C-alpha atoms as a PDB file:
ATOM      1  CA  MET A   1       8.500  -2.780  34.509  1.00  0.00           C
ATOM      2  CA  SER A   2       5.101  -3.456  32.974  1.00  0.00           C
ATOM      3  CA  LYS A   3       4.173  -2.300  29.499  1.00  0.00           C
ATOM      4  CA  LEU A   4       0.890  -1.471  27.866  1.00  0.00           C
ATOM      5  CA  ILE A   5      -0.322  -3.826  25.153  1.00  0.00           C
ATOM      6  CA  SER A   6      -0.206  -0.894  22.729  1.00  0.00           C
ATOM      7  CA  GLU A   7       3.553  -0.698  23.336  1.00  0.00           C
ATOM      8  CA  LEU A   8       4.012  -4.349  22.400  1.00  0.00           C
ATOM      9  CA  LEU A   9       1.704  -4.572  19.386  1.00  0.00           C
ATOM     10  CA  ASP A  10       1.053  -2.350  16.403  1.00  0.00           C
ATOM     11  CA  LEU A  11      -2.690  -1.825  16.924  1.00  0.00           C
ATOM     12  CA  PRO A  12      -4.910   0.312  14.728  1.00  0.00           C
ATOM     13  CA  GLU A  13      -6.893   3.069  16.391  1.00  0.00           C
ATOM     14  CA  ARG A  14     -10.111   1.786  14.782  1.00  0.00           C
ATOM     15  CA  VAL A  15     -11.204  -1.542  13.360  1.00  0.00           C
ATOM     16  CA  ARG A  16     -13.981  -1.720  10.799  1.00  0.00           C
ATOM     17  CA  LYS A  17     -15.973  -4.755   9.700  1.00  0.00           C
ATOM     18  CA  GLY A  18     -13.992  -5.426   6.507  1.00  0.00           C
ATOM     19  CA  ASP A  19     -10.510  -4.601   7.798  1.00  0.00           C
ATOM     20  CA  PHE A  20      -9.460  -8.223   8.131  1.00  0.00           C
ATOM     21  CA  VAL A  21     -10.999  -9.444   4.895  1.00  0.00           C
ATOM     22  CA  LEU A  22      -8.619  -9.893   2.014  1.00  0.00           C
ATOM     23  CA  ASN A  23     -10.384 -10.384  -1.289  1.00  0.00           C
ATOM     24  CA  LEU A  24      -7.724 -11.979  -3.469  1.00  0.00           C
ATOM     25  CA  SER A  25      -9.656 -11.442  -6.705  1.00  0.00           C
ATOM     26  CA  ASN A  26      -9.538  -7.690  -6.053  1.00  0.00           C
ATOM     27  CA  SER A  27      -5.890  -7.784  -4.993  1.00  0.00           C
ATOM     28  CA  VAL A  28      -4.336  -8.749  -8.330  1.00  0.00           C
ATOM     29  CA  ASN A  29      -3.733  -5.084  -9.142  1.00  0.00           C
ATOM     30  CA  GLU A  30      -1.490  -4.726  -6.071  1.00  0.00           C
ATOM     31  CA  PRO A  31       0.399  -8.041  -5.925  1.00  0.00           C
ATOM     32  CA  GLN A  32       3.291  -6.819  -3.760  1.00  0.00           C
ATOM     33  CA  LYS A  33       0.975  -5.306  -1.141  1.00  0.00           C
ATOM     34  CA  THR A  34      -1.161  -8.459  -1.191  1.00  0.00           C
ATOM     35  CA  LEU A  35       1.835 -10.745  -0.686  1.00  0.00           C
ATOM     36  CA  GLU A  36       3.107  -8.603   2.172  1.00  0.00           C
ATOM     37  CA  ARG A  37      -0.223  -8.815   4.032  1.00  0.00           C
ATOM     38  CA  TYR A  38      -1.397 -12.354   3.219  1.00  0.00           C
ATOM     39  CA  VAL A  39      -0.397 -15.153   5.572  1.00  0.00           C
ATOM     40  CA  VAL A  40      -1.471 -18.699   4.811  1.00  0.00           C
ATOM     41  CA  THR A  41      -2.427 -20.470   8.037  1.00  0.00           C
ATOM     42  CA  PRO A  42      -2.485 -24.269   8.450  1.00  0.00           C
ATOM     43  CA  GLN A  43      -6.291 -24.165   8.542  1.00  0.00           C
ATOM     44  CA  LEU A  44      -6.408 -22.277   5.247  1.00  0.00           C
ATOM     45  CA  VAL A  45      -4.070 -24.834   3.619  1.00  0.00           C
ATOM     46  CA  GLU A  46      -6.421 -27.586   4.774  1.00  0.00           C
ATOM     47  CA  CYS A  47      -9.432 -25.714   3.380  1.00  0.00           C
ATOM     48  CA  PHE A  48      -7.712 -25.216   0.020  1.00  0.00           C
ATOM     49  CA  ASN A  49      -6.845 -28.917  -0.111  1.00  0.00           C
ATOM     50  CA  ASP A  50     -10.439 -29.885   0.712  1.00  0.00           C
ATOM     51  CA  SER A  51     -11.732 -27.523  -1.966  1.00  0.00           C
ATOM     52  CA  LEU A  52      -9.361 -28.876  -4.595  1.00  0.00           C
ATOM     53  CA  SER A  53     -10.375 -32.413  -3.662  1.00  0.00           C
ATOM     54  CA  LEU A  54     -14.020 -31.505  -4.157  1.00  0.00           C
ATOM     55  CA  ILE A  55     -13.233 -29.957  -7.551  1.00  0.00           C
ATOM     56  CA  LYS A  56     -11.290 -33.064  -8.563  1.00  0.00           C
ATOM     57  CA  THR A  57     -14.138 -35.429  -7.669  1.00  0.00           C
ATOM     58  CA  ALA A  58     -16.649 -33.201  -9.468  1.00  0.00           C
ATOM     59  CA  MET A  59     -14.512 -33.199 -12.607  1.00  0.00           C
ATOM     60  CA  GLU A  60     -13.950 -36.956 -12.473  1.00  0.00           C
ATOM     61  CA  ALA A  61     -17.691 -37.558 -12.071  1.00  0.00           C
ATOM     62  CA  ASN A  62     -18.555 -34.839 -14.608  1.00  0.00           C
ATOM     63  CA  SER A  63     -20.935 -33.346 -12.059  1.00  0.00           C
ATOM     64  CA  SER A  64     -21.527 -29.935 -10.562  1.00  0.00           C
ATOM     65  CA  LYS A  65     -20.640 -29.293  -6.911  1.00  0.00           C
ATOM     66  CA  ALA A  66     -20.470 -26.114  -4.855  1.00  0.00           C
ATOM     67  CA  ALA A  67     -18.025 -25.144  -2.111  1.00  0.00           C
ATOM     68  CA  TYR A  68     -17.200 -22.150   0.031  1.00  0.00           C
ATOM     69  CA  LEU A  69     -13.594 -21.635   1.092  1.00  0.00           C
ATOM     70  CA  HIS A  70     -13.294 -20.327   4.617  1.00  0.00           C
ATOM     71  CA  GLY A  71     -10.200 -20.244   6.785  1.00  0.00           C
ATOM     72  CA  LYS A  72      -8.410 -18.144   9.336  1.00  0.00           C
ATOM     73  CA  LEU A  73      -6.518 -15.287   7.802  1.00  0.00           C
ATOM     74  CA  ARG A  74      -3.887 -13.312   9.585  1.00  0.00           C
ATOM     75  CA  VAL A  75      -3.207  -9.840   8.266  1.00  0.00           C
ATOM     76  CA  ARG A  76       0.204  -8.349   8.938  1.00  0.00           C
END
């Protein structure tokens, strides 16, 4: 018996541009909701590590460096 994908997955009826963006700085007021929805992927861990490495080298060299953290985010 075949099933529809909508029977297997919880899919929203509509998806808007910002639906899968989780702005952590704006989420501090709802920590439980944020923790329930935020999933750290291996790529995001790698990006955080790279960013922290860049910050470390900038601090050690007493220089200014810029970085943008980007990784795959899965929203539950």
